Amino acid sequence: MGIVHRAHDTLTDRIVAIKRLRSDLARFQPEVFERFAREAEALRQLNHPNIVQALDTFQRDGEHYIVMDYVAGDDLATSP
């Protein structure tokens, strides 16, 4: 549903994860954007040590993003 990138937040000087909604999905399936927005809202409301915290959401050039705490670890796509 999304692609996650590691980034440096220059305002807070910390490493964050930025999840970008796949535009190919959002363009043809409006319900995918609704799910993405619900995910961001759920992350904002939840506070638990095992759940990443959503820090911000934004839209730029028709793309939708969620900025989250960065958690170091293996890439699940390449993990055994």
PDB file of N, CA and C in Angstrom:
ATOM      1  N   MET A   1       0.816  -1.188   0.000  1.00  0.00           N
ATOM      2  CA  MET A   1       0.000   0.000   0.000  1.00  0.00           C
ATOM      3  C   MET A   1       0.865   1.260   0.000  1.00  0.00           C
ATOM      4  N   GLY A   2       2.042   1.159   0.621  1.00  0.00           N
ATOM      5  CA  GLY A   2       2.910   2.314   0.674  1.00  0.00           C
ATOM      6  C   GLY A   2       4.362   1.928   0.541  1.00  0.00           C
ATOM      7  N   ILE A   3       5.171   2.924   0.328  1.00  0.00           N
ATOM      8  CA  ILE A   3       6.612   2.750   0.244  1.00  0.00           C
ATOM      9  C   ILE A   3       7.206   3.580   1.364  1.00  0.00           C
ATOM     10  N   VAL A   4       8.073   2.972   2.171  1.00  0.00           N
ATOM     11  CA  VAL A   4       8.637   3.654   3.336  1.00  0.00           C
ATOM     12  C   VAL A   4      10.087   4.022   3.057  1.00  0.00           C
ATOM     13  N   HIS A   5      10.408   5.254   3.385  1.00  0.00           N
ATOM     14  CA  HIS A   5      11.770   5.768   3.208  1.00  0.00           C
ATOM     15  C   HIS A   5      12.299   6.256   4.552  1.00  0.00           C
ATOM     16  N   ARG A   6      13.580   6.096   4.749  1.00  0.00           N
ATOM     17  CA  ARG A   6      14.244   6.686   5.917  1.00  0.00           C
ATOM     18  C   ARG A   6      14.660   8.093   5.517  1.00  0.00           C
ATOM     19  N   ALA A   7      14.444   9.052   6.425  1.00  0.00           N
ATOM     20  CA  ALA A   7      14.739  10.445   6.106  1.00  0.00           C
ATOM     21  C   ALA A   7      15.261  11.173   7.333  1.00  0.00           C
ATOM     22  N   HIS A   8      15.857  12.320   7.097  1.00  0.00           N
ATOM     23  CA  HIS A   8      16.333  13.172   8.185  1.00  0.00           C
ATOM     24  C   HIS A   8      15.407  14.370   8.294  1.00  0.00           C
ATOM     25  N   ASP A   9      14.774  14.526   9.449  1.00  0.00           N
ATOM     26  CA  ASP A   9      13.906  15.674   9.710  1.00  0.00           C
ATOM     27  C   ASP A   9      14.806  16.826  10.138  1.00  0.00           C
ATOM     28  N   THR A  10      14.934  17.814   9.293  1.00  0.00           N
ATOM     29  CA  THR A  10      15.848  18.915   9.592  1.00  0.00           C
ATOM     30  C   THR A  10      15.314  19.845  10.680  1.00  0.00           C
ATOM     31  N   LEU A  11      14.010  19.828  10.923  1.00  0.00           N
ATOM     32  CA  LEU A  11      13.452  20.669  11.986  1.00  0.00           C
ATOM     33  C   LEU A  11      13.749  20.106  13.372  1.00  0.00           C
ATOM     34  N   THR A  12      13.674  18.779  13.504  1.00  0.00           N
ATOM     35  CA  THR A  12      13.901  18.150  14.808  1.00  0.00           C
ATOM     36  C   THR A  12      15.273  17.493  14.909  1.00  0.00           C
ATOM     37  N   ASP A  13      16.009  17.454  13.790  1.00  0.00           N
ATOM     38  CA  ASP A  13      17.324  16.824  13.710  1.00  0.00           C
ATOM     39  C   ASP A  13      17.284  15.367  14.144  1.00  0.00           C
ATOM     40  N   ARG A  14      16.293  14.648  13.639  1.00  0.00           N
ATOM     41  CA  ARG A  14      16.185  13.222  13.947  1.00  0.00           C
ATOM     42  C   ARG A  14      15.840  12.429  12.698  1.00  0.00           C
ATOM     43  N   ILE A  15      16.130  11.144  12.752  1.00  0.00           N
ATOM     44  CA  ILE A  15      15.805  10.246  11.656  1.00  0.00           C
ATOM     45  C   ILE A  15      14.337   9.829  11.807  1.00  0.00           C
ATOM     46  N   VAL A  16      13.597   9.865  10.705  1.00  0.00           N
ATOM     47  CA  VAL A  16      12.182   9.486  10.701  1.00  0.00           C
ATOM     48  C   VAL A  16      11.935   8.529   9.544  1.00  0.00           C
ATOM     49  N   ALA A  17      10.792   7.890   9.577  1.00  0.00           N
ATOM     50  CA  ALA A  17      10.324   7.072   8.459  1.00  0.00           C
ATOM     51  C   ALA A  17       9.193   7.839   7.785  1.00  0.00           C
ATOM     52  N   ILE A  18       9.246   7.901   6.471  1.00  0.00           N
ATOM     53  CA  ILE A  18       8.185   8.571   5.717  1.00  0.00           C
ATOM     54  C   ILE A  18       7.534   7.535   4.804  1.00  0.00           C
ATOM     55  N   LYS A  19       6.248   7.321   5.025  1.00  0.00           N
ATOM     56  CA  LYS A  19       5.501   6.368   4.212  1.00  0.00           C
ATOM     57  C   LYS A  19       4.725   7.140   3.157  1.00  0.00           C
ATOM     58  N   ARG A  20       4.958   6.784   1.885  1.00  0.00           N
ATOM     59  CA  ARG A  20       4.270   7.425   0.769  1.00  0.00           C
ATOM     60  C   ARG A  20       3.261   6.445   0.196  1.00  0.00           C
ATOM     61  N   LEU A  21       2.035   6.896   0.094  1.00  0.00           N
ATOM     62  CA  LEU A  21       0.991   6.076  -0.505  1.00  0.00           C
ATOM     63  C   LEU A  21       1.332   5.850  -1.967  1.00  0.00           C
ATOM     64  N   ARG A  22       1.275   4.606  -2.394  1.00  0.00           N
ATOM     65  CA  ARG A  22       1.562   4.292  -3.796  1.00  0.00           C
ATOM     66  C   ARG A  22       0.529   4.976  -4.686  1.00  0.00           C
ATOM     67  N   SER A  23       0.988   5.873  -5.521  1.00  0.00           N
ATOM     68  CA  SER A  23       0.070   6.653  -6.359  1.00  0.00           C
ATOM     69  C   SER A  23      -0.675   5.785  -7.362  1.00  0.00           C
ATOM     70  N   ASP A  24      -0.069   4.678  -7.793  1.00  0.00           N
ATOM     71  CA  ASP A  24      -0.773   3.804  -8.740  1.00  0.00           C
ATOM     72  C   ASP A  24      -2.001   3.173  -8.105  1.00  0.00           C
ATOM     73  N   LEU A  25      -1.956   2.935  -6.801  1.00  0.00           N
ATOM     74  CA  LEU A  25      -3.125   2.389  -6.103  1.00  0.00           C
ATOM     75  C   LEU A  25      -4.164   3.470  -5.827  1.00  0.00           C
ATOM     76  N   ALA A  26      -3.701   4.612  -5.338  1.00  0.00           N
ATOM     77  CA  ALA A  26      -4.618   5.684  -4.946  1.00  0.00           C
ATOM     78  C   ALA A  26      -5.376   6.256  -6.143  1.00  0.00           C
ATOM     79  N   ARG A  27      -4.733   6.277  -7.274  1.00  0.00           N
ATOM     80  CA  ARG A  27      -5.342   6.874  -8.464  1.00  0.00           C
ATOM     81  C   ARG A  27      -6.558   6.090  -8.938  1.00  0.00           C
ATOM     82  N   PHE A  28      -6.477   4.775  -8.855  1.00  0.00           N
ATOM     83  CA  PHE A  28      -7.537   3.938  -9.415  1.00  0.00           C
ATOM     84  C   PHE A  28      -8.458   3.317  -8.368  1.00  0.00           C
ATOM     85  N   GLN A  29      -8.080   3.423  -7.099  1.00  0.00           N
ATOM     86  CA  GLN A  29      -8.878   2.831  -6.031  1.00  0.00           C
ATOM     87  C   GLN A  29      -9.028   3.855  -4.900  1.00  0.00           C
ATOM     88  N   PRO A  30     -10.059   4.693  -4.926  1.00  0.00           N
ATOM     89  CA  PRO A  30     -10.225   5.738  -3.918  1.00  0.00           C
ATOM     90  C   PRO A  30     -10.267   5.205  -2.486  1.00  0.00           C
ATOM     91  N   GLU A  31     -10.732   3.970  -2.309  1.00  0.00           N
ATOM     92  CA  GLU A  31     -10.804   3.416  -0.957  1.00  0.00           C
ATOM     93  C   GLU A  31      -9.411   3.206  -0.357  1.00  0.00           C
ATOM     94  N   VAL A  32      -8.389   3.102  -1.201  1.00  0.00           N
ATOM     95  CA  VAL A  32      -7.020   2.941  -0.700  1.00  0.00           C
ATOM     96  C   VAL A  32      -6.586   4.206   0.029  1.00  0.00           C
ATOM     97  N   PHE A  33      -6.906   5.381  -0.512  1.00  0.00           N
ATOM     98  CA  PHE A  33      -6.582   6.627   0.184  1.00  0.00           C
ATOM     99  C   PHE A  33      -7.305   6.694   1.522  1.00  0.00           C
ATOM    100  N   GLU A  34      -8.558   6.273   1.559  1.00  0.00           N
ATOM    101  CA  GLU A  34      -9.313   6.284   2.812  1.00  0.00           C
ATOM    102  C   GLU A  34      -8.655   5.386   3.856  1.00  0.00           C
ATOM    103  N   ARG A  35      -8.180   4.212   3.454  1.00  0.00           N
ATOM    104  CA  ARG A  35      -7.470   3.310   4.371  1.00  0.00           C
ATOM    105  C   ARG A  35      -6.181   3.949   4.870  1.00  0.00           C
ATOM    106  N   PHE A  36      -5.458   4.602   3.985  1.00  0.00           N
ATOM    107  CA  PHE A  36      -4.210   5.272   4.336  1.00  0.00           C
ATOM    108  C   PHE A  36      -4.476   6.375   5.362  1.00  0.00           C
ATOM    109  N   ALA A  37      -5.526   7.147   5.148  1.00  0.00           N
ATOM    110  CA  ALA A  37      -5.890   8.215   6.082  1.00  0.00           C
ATOM    111  C   ALA A  37      -6.306   7.638   7.433  1.00  0.00           C
ATOM    112  N   ARG A  38      -7.033   6.510   7.430  1.00  0.00           N
ATOM    113  CA  ARG A  38      -7.425   5.866   8.692  1.00  0.00           C
ATOM    114  C   ARG A  38      -6.201   5.332   9.436  1.00  0.00           C
ATOM    115  N   GLU A  39      -5.228   4.798   8.683  1.00  0.00           N
ATOM    116  CA  GLU A  39      -3.995   4.317   9.302  1.00  0.00           C
ATOM    117  C   GLU A  39      -3.278   5.454  10.023  1.00  0.00           C
ATOM    118  N   ALA A  40      -3.166   6.596   9.358  1.00  0.00           N
ATOM    119  CA  ALA A  40      -2.503   7.751   9.968  1.00  0.00           C
ATOM    120  C   ALA A  40      -3.237   8.199  11.224  1.00  0.00           C
ATOM    121  N   GLU A  41      -4.546   8.246  11.160  1.00  0.00           N
ATOM    122  CA  GLU A  41      -5.342   8.671  12.324  1.00  0.00           C
ATOM    123  C   GLU A  41      -5.203   7.670  13.476  1.00  0.00           C
ATOM    124  N   ALA A  42      -5.218   6.386  13.167  1.00  0.00           N
ATOM    125  CA  ALA A  42      -5.060   5.366  14.210  1.00  0.00           C
ATOM    126  C   ALA A  42      -3.690   5.485  14.875  1.00  0.00           C
ATOM    127  N   LEU A  43      -2.656   5.688  14.086  1.00  0.00           N
ATOM    128  CA  LEU A  43      -1.316   5.837  14.659  1.00  0.00           C
ATOM    129  C   LEU A  43      -1.227   7.070  15.550  1.00  0.00           C
ATOM    130  N   ARG A  44      -1.910   8.139  15.158  1.00  0.00           N
ATOM    131  CA  ARG A  44      -1.906   9.355  15.978  1.00  0.00           C
ATOM    132  C   ARG A  44      -2.568   9.122  17.328  1.00  0.00           C
ATOM    133  N   GLN A  45      -3.604   8.278  17.357  1.00  0.00           N
ATOM    134  CA  GLN A  45      -4.369   8.068  18.580  1.00  0.00           C
ATOM    135  C   GLN A  45      -3.771   7.020  19.507  1.00  0.00           C
ATOM    136  N   LEU A  46      -2.963   6.114  18.949  1.00  0.00           N
ATOM    137  CA  LEU A  46      -2.407   5.027  19.755  1.00  0.00           C
ATOM    138  C   LEU A  46      -1.101   5.451  20.395  1.00  0.00           C
ATOM    139  N   ASN A  47      -0.897   4.986  21.628  1.00  0.00           N
ATOM    140  CA  ASN A  47       0.338   5.272  22.330  1.00  0.00           C
ATOM    141  C   ASN A  47       0.766   3.998  23.049  1.00  0.00           C
ATOM    142  N   HIS A  48       1.705   3.273  22.436  1.00  0.00           N
ATOM    143  CA  HIS A  48       2.160   2.006  22.983  1.00  0.00           C
ATOM    144  C   HIS A  48       3.613   1.814  22.568  1.00  0.00           C
ATOM    145  N   PRO A  49       4.441   1.236  23.440  1.00  0.00           N
ATOM    146  CA  PRO A  49       5.862   1.075  23.100  1.00  0.00           C
ATOM    147  C   PRO A  49       6.115   0.193  21.871  1.00  0.00           C
ATOM    148  N   ASN A  50       5.170  -0.646  21.482  1.00  0.00           N
ATOM    149  CA  ASN A  50       5.357  -1.531  20.335  1.00  0.00           C
ATOM    150  C   ASN A  50       4.693  -1.024  19.051  1.00  0.00           C
ATOM    151  N   ILE A  51       4.226   0.214  19.071  1.00  0.00           N
ATOM    152  CA  ILE A  51       3.582   0.803  17.898  1.00  0.00           C
ATOM    153  C   ILE A  51       4.296   2.113  17.574  1.00  0.00           C
ATOM    154  N   VAL A  52       4.708   2.274  16.314  1.00  0.00           N
ATOM    155  CA  VAL A  52       5.366   3.526  15.932  1.00  0.00           C
ATOM    156  C   VAL A  52       4.379   4.679  16.047  1.00  0.00           C
ATOM    157  N   GLN A  53       4.904   5.828  16.388  1.00  0.00           N
ATOM    158  CA  GLN A  53       4.079   7.026  16.555  1.00  0.00           C
ATOM    159  C   GLN A  53       4.052   7.807  15.244  1.00  0.00           C
ATOM    160  N   ALA A  54       2.870   8.207  14.814  1.00  0.00           N
ATOM    161  CA  ALA A  54       2.752   9.096  13.657  1.00  0.00           C
ATOM    162  C   ALA A  54       3.090  10.507  14.124  1.00  0.00           C
ATOM    163  N   LEU A  55       3.981  11.163  13.432  1.00  0.00           N
ATOM    164  CA  LEU A  55       4.415  12.506  13.812  1.00  0.00           C
ATOM    165  C   LEU A  55       3.740  13.589  12.991  1.00  0.00           C
ATOM    166  N   ASP A  56       3.404  13.250  11.739  1.00  0.00           N
ATOM    167  CA  ASP A  56       2.822  14.253  10.852  1.00  0.00           C
ATOM    168  C   ASP A  56       2.240  13.556   9.623  1.00  0.00           C
ATOM    169  N   THR A  57       1.366  14.221   8.941  1.00  0.00           N
ATOM    170  CA  THR A  57       0.890  13.787   7.632  1.00  0.00           C
ATOM    171  C   THR A  57       0.933  15.007   6.729  1.00  0.00           C
ATOM    172  N   PHE A  58       1.165  14.771   5.457  1.00  0.00           N
ATOM    173  CA  PHE A  58       1.126  15.885   4.516  1.00  0.00           C
ATOM    174  C   PHE A  58       0.880  15.372   3.108  1.00  0.00           C
ATOM    175  N   GLN A  59       0.537  16.317   2.249  1.00  0.00           N
ATOM    176  CA  GLN A  59       0.294  16.020   0.841  1.00  0.00           C
ATOM    177  C   GLN A  59       1.123  16.999   0.027  1.00  0.00           C
ATOM    178  N   ARG A  60       1.795  16.485  -1.000  1.00  0.00           N
ATOM    179  CA  ARG A  60       2.586  17.348  -1.874  1.00  0.00           C
ATOM    180  C   ARG A  60       2.510  16.794  -3.290  1.00  0.00           C
ATOM    181  N   ASP A  61       2.182  17.656  -4.223  1.00  0.00           N
ATOM    182  CA  ASP A  61       2.102  17.283  -5.638  1.00  0.00           C
ATOM    183  C   ASP A  61       1.210  16.065  -5.856  1.00  0.00           C
ATOM    184  N   GLY A  62       0.096  16.002  -5.133  1.00  0.00           N
ATOM    185  CA  GLY A  62      -0.854  14.906  -5.296  1.00  0.00           C
ATOM    186  C   GLY A  62      -0.456  13.607  -4.614  1.00  0.00           C
ATOM    187  N   GLU A  63       0.679  13.594  -3.926  1.00  0.00           N
ATOM    188  CA  GLU A  63       1.138  12.407  -3.196  1.00  0.00           C
ATOM    189  C   GLU A  63       0.812  12.585  -1.722  1.00  0.00           C
ATOM    190  N   HIS A  64       0.511  11.467  -1.043  1.00  0.00           N
ATOM    191  CA  HIS A  64       0.136  11.500   0.368  1.00  0.00           C
ATOM    192  C   HIS A  64       1.210  10.798   1.201  1.00  0.00           C
ATOM    193  N   TYR A  65       1.544  11.393   2.366  1.00  0.00           N
ATOM    194  CA  TYR A  65       2.639  10.903   3.185  1.00  0.00           C
ATOM    195  C   TYR A  65       2.251  10.845   4.662  1.00  0.00           C
ATOM    196  N   ILE A  66       2.853   9.890   5.373  1.00  0.00           N
ATOM    197  CA  ILE A  66       2.777   9.825   6.831  1.00  0.00           C
ATOM    198  C   ILE A  66       4.218   9.839   7.340  1.00  0.00           C
ATOM    199  N   VAL A  67       4.534  10.755   8.245  1.00  0.00           N
ATOM    200  CA  VAL A  67       5.849  10.811   8.876  1.00  0.00           C
ATOM    201  C   VAL A  67       5.722  10.103  10.223  1.00  0.00           C
ATOM    202  N   MET A  68       6.610   9.124  10.454  1.00  0.00           N
ATOM    203  CA  MET A  68       6.529   8.293  11.661  1.00  0.00           C
ATOM    204  C   MET A  68       7.892   8.192  12.331  1.00  0.00           C
ATOM    205  N   ASP A  69       7.871   7.732  13.587  1.00  0.00           N
ATOM    206  CA  ASP A  69       9.119   7.376  14.250  1.00  0.00           C
ATOM    207  C   ASP A  69       9.848   6.361  13.386  1.00  0.00           C
ATOM    208  N   TYR A  70      11.179   6.454  13.374  1.00  0.00           N
ATOM    209  CA  TYR A  70      11.982   5.474  12.645  1.00  0.00           C
ATOM    210  C   TYR A  70      12.388   4.361  13.598  1.00  0.00           C
ATOM    211  N   VAL A  71      12.200   3.131  13.188  1.00  0.00           N
ATOM    212  CA  VAL A  71      12.614   1.959  13.968  1.00  0.00           C
ATOM    213  C   VAL A  71      13.595   1.176  13.109  1.00  0.00           C
ATOM    214  N   ALA A  72      14.828   1.071  13.571  1.00  0.00           N
ATOM    215  CA  ALA A  72      15.852   0.354  12.811  1.00  0.00           C
ATOM    216  C   ALA A  72      15.548  -1.135  12.800  1.00  0.00           C
ATOM    217  N   GLY A  73      15.890  -1.786  11.718  1.00  0.00           N
ATOM    218  CA  GLY A  73      15.675  -3.227  11.606  1.00  0.00           C
ATOM    219  C   GLY A  73      15.827  -3.687  10.180  1.00  0.00           C
ATOM    220  N   ASP A  74      15.593  -4.963   9.971  1.00  0.00           N
ATOM    221  CA  ASP A  74      15.708  -5.548   8.647  1.00  0.00           C
ATOM    222  C   ASP A  74      14.521  -5.146   7.771  1.00  0.00           C
ATOM    223  N   ASP A  75      14.752  -5.143   6.490  1.00  0.00           N
ATOM    224  CA  ASP A  75      13.712  -4.925   5.502  1.00  0.00           C
ATOM    225  C   ASP A  75      12.865  -6.202   5.446  1.00  0.00           C
ATOM    226  N   LEU A  76      11.585  -6.098   5.723  1.00  0.00           N
ATOM    227  CA  LEU A  76      10.723  -7.278   5.755  1.00  0.00           C
ATOM    228  C   LEU A  76      10.634  -7.967   4.397  1.00  0.00           C
ATOM    229  N   ALA A  77      10.838  -7.212   3.330  1.00  0.00           N
ATOM    230  CA  ALA A  77      10.781  -7.803   1.996  1.00  0.00           C
ATOM    231  C   ALA A  77      11.966  -8.725   1.727  1.00  0.00           C
ATOM    232  N   THR A  78      13.076  -8.503   2.424  1.00  0.00           N
ATOM    233  CA  THR A  78      14.268  -9.305   2.178  1.00  0.00           C
ATOM    234  C   THR A  78      14.624 -10.213   3.356  1.00  0.00           C
ATOM    235  N   SER A  79      13.877 -10.130   4.440  1.00  0.00           N
ATOM    236  CA  SER A  79      14.143 -10.966   5.610  1.00  0.00           C
ATOM    237  C   SER A  79      13.707 -12.411   5.340  1.00  0.00           C
ATOM    238  N   PRO A  80      14.438 -13.382   5.910  1.00  0.00           N
ATOM    239  CA  PRO A  80      14.034 -14.779   5.709  1.00  0.00           C
ATOM    240  C   PRO A  80      12.756 -15.127   6.459  1.00  0.00           C
TER     241      PRO A  80
END
